[in-house]
């Protein structure tokens, strides 16, 4: 799968993080691809993710460095990691809220990384394998 990156820094960050983590699974790939989109989230990756415990830090959503854009990135990254959505703020993790920004093309890439088996190109003339014909 060929990935599109927002910048050379995004690409370098993604591959550096993949070298740093033990697991190279779709959870880690989608998370670090997503977090790498913005310099703000790249600079604060250790506030967003515990490398020692291999888990996200949801409290980072409320830190002073967060902007509206970095919060969108963080919410999607957390949701792709383990389905996380902030209690009482679930609507902020919906596509309506998340994709209403210039990061949307890269968000699709993160989703493709997380769900490669469902995000493949369909051959013309073939029905979706998970849909029944009506």
Protein backbone atom coordinates (compact mmCIF):
# COMPACT_ATOMS: atom_id res chain seq x y z
CA UNK A 1 0.00 0.00 0.00
CA UNK A 2 1.42 3.37 -1.00
CA UNK A 3 0.80 6.07 1.58
CA UNK A 4 0.39 9.80 1.08
CA UNK A 5 2.12 11.96 3.64
CA UNK A 6 1.36 15.56 4.60
CA UNK A 7 5.06 16.46 4.60
CA UNK A 8 8.53 14.96 4.64
CA UNK A 9 8.49 15.40 8.44
CA UNK A 10 5.28 13.36 8.61
CA UNK A 11 6.88 10.56 6.62
CA UNK A 12 10.11 10.61 8.66
CA UNK A 13 8.15 10.61 11.92
CA UNK A 14 6.00 7.66 10.86
CA UNK A 15 8.95 5.46 9.93
CA UNK A 16 10.92 6.51 13.03
CA UNK A 17 7.99 5.55 15.27
CA UNK A 18 7.61 2.22 13.52
CA UNK A 19 11.26 1.54 14.32
CA UNK A 20 10.78 2.55 17.97
CA UNK A 21 7.75 0.38 18.79
CA UNK A 22 7.90 -3.38 19.21
CA UNK A 23 4.66 -4.15 17.38
CA UNK A 24 4.20 -3.13 13.77
CA UNK A 25 0.48 -3.94 13.68
CA UNK A 26 -2.36 -1.89 12.22
CA UNK A 27 -3.04 -0.24 15.60
CA UNK A 28 0.45 1.22 15.84
CA UNK A 29 0.63 2.08 12.15
CA UNK A 30 -2.68 3.97 12.13
CA UNK A 31 -1.93 5.72 15.43
CA UNK A 32 1.53 6.97 14.51
CA UNK A 33 0.55 7.84 10.95
CA UNK A 34 -2.29 9.94 12.33
CA UNK A 35 -0.25 11.60 15.10
CA UNK A 36 2.47 12.40 12.57
CA UNK A 37 0.22 14.58 10.41
CA UNK A 38 0.83 17.77 12.42
CA UNK A 39 3.97 19.18 13.97
CA UNK A 40 1.95 19.92 17.12
CA UNK A 41 1.03 16.26 17.65
CA UNK A 42 4.47 15.04 16.52
CA UNK A 43 6.10 17.31 19.10
CA UNK A 44 3.81 15.94 21.83
CA UNK A 45 3.77 12.26 20.92
CA UNK A 46 5.17 11.27 24.31
CA UNK A 47 2.28 13.08 25.98
CA UNK A 48 -0.20 11.22 23.76
CA UNK A 49 1.35 7.76 23.99
CA UNK A 50 3.23 5.82 26.67
CA UNK A 51 5.94 3.86 24.90
CA UNK A 52 6.78 2.02 28.11
CA UNK A 53 3.20 0.85 28.67
CA UNK A 54 2.30 0.74 24.95
CA UNK A 55 -0.94 2.67 25.40
CA UNK A 56 -2.61 6.00 24.73
CA UNK A 57 -2.99 8.81 27.28
CA UNK A 58 -6.55 10.19 26.94
CA UNK A 59 -5.81 12.97 29.45
CA UNK A 60 -3.64 14.58 26.76
CA UNK A 61 -6.83 15.75 25.02
CA UNK A 62 -7.15 18.45 27.68
CA UNK A 63 -3.60 19.76 27.72
CA UNK A 64 -2.91 23.39 26.92
CA UNK A 65 -0.94 22.73 23.74
CA UNK A 66 -3.96 21.20 21.97
CA UNK A 67 -5.57 23.20 19.16
CA UNK A 68 -8.81 22.44 17.33
CA UNK A 69 -6.79 20.71 14.59
CA UNK A 70 -4.55 18.73 16.91
CA UNK A 71 -7.61 17.62 18.90
CA UNK A 72 -9.16 16.22 15.71
CA UNK A 73 -5.95 14.31 14.99
CA UNK A 74 -5.74 13.07 18.58
CA UNK A 75 -9.37 11.97 18.69
CA UNK A 76 -9.05 9.99 15.46
CA UNK A 77 -5.72 8.46 16.53
CA UNK A 78 -7.20 7.41 19.89
CA UNK A 79 -10.32 6.04 18.24
CA UNK A 80 -8.29 4.01 15.74
CA UNK A 81 -6.14 2.72 18.59
CA UNK A 82 -8.92 1.16 20.65
CA UNK A 83 -12.26 2.74 19.79
CA UNK A 84 -11.77 5.46 22.38
CA UNK A 85 -14.22 8.34 22.48
CA UNK A 86 -14.39 10.74 25.37
CA UNK A 87 -17.35 10.18 27.68
CA UNK A 88 -19.89 12.93 27.17
CA UNK A 89 -18.05 14.13 24.05
CA UNK A 90 -18.69 11.15 21.79
CA UNK A 91 -20.09 13.37 19.04
CA UNK A 92 -16.65 15.01 18.72
CA UNK A 93 -15.32 11.67 17.44
CA UNK A 94 -17.82 11.38 14.58
CA UNK A 95 -16.83 11.86 10.94
CA UNK A 96 -19.01 15.00 10.88
CA UNK A 97 -16.74 16.66 13.43
CA UNK A 98 -13.39 15.04 12.63
CA UNK A 99 -13.32 15.31 8.86
CA UNK A 100 -14.33 18.97 8.66
CA UNK A 101 -10.73 20.11 8.15
CA UNK A 102 -7.78 20.03 5.78
CA UNK A 103 -6.44 16.87 7.41
CA UNK A 104 -9.28 14.75 5.98
CA UNK A 105 -7.28 13.21 3.09
CA UNK A 106 -4.69 11.98 5.60
CA UNK A 107 -7.38 10.72 7.96
CA UNK A 108 -8.53 8.40 5.17
CA UNK A 109 -4.97 7.10 4.89
CA UNK A 110 -4.93 6.36 8.64
CA UNK A 111 -8.19 4.45 8.26
CA UNK A 112 -6.73 2.47 5.37
CA UNK A 113 -3.79 1.51 7.59
CA UNK A 114 -6.08 0.37 10.39
CA UNK A 115 -8.49 -1.57 8.17
CA UNK A 116 -6.52 -2.71 5.10
CA UNK A 117 -8.77 -5.72 4.54
CA UNK A 118 -11.79 -3.44 4.09
CA UNK A 119 -10.12 -0.56 2.28
CA UNK A 120 -9.03 -2.20 -0.90
CA UNK A 121 -10.04 -1.15 -4.37
CA UNK A 122 -13.03 -3.00 -5.74
CA UNK A 123 -12.86 -4.34 -9.26
CA UNK A 124 -15.56 -2.91 -11.50
CA UNK A 125 -18.57 -5.14 -11.92
CA UNK A 126 -18.07 -6.93 -8.60
CA UNK A 127 -20.44 -6.42 -5.74
CA UNK A 128 -19.25 -5.55 -2.27
CA UNK A 129 -18.49 -8.92 -0.62
CA UNK A 130 -20.30 -7.93 2.56
CA UNK A 131 -23.51 -6.70 0.96
CA UNK A 132 -26.40 -8.79 -0.14
CA UNK A 133 -27.81 -8.22 -3.59
CA UNK A 134 -31.26 -6.67 -3.49
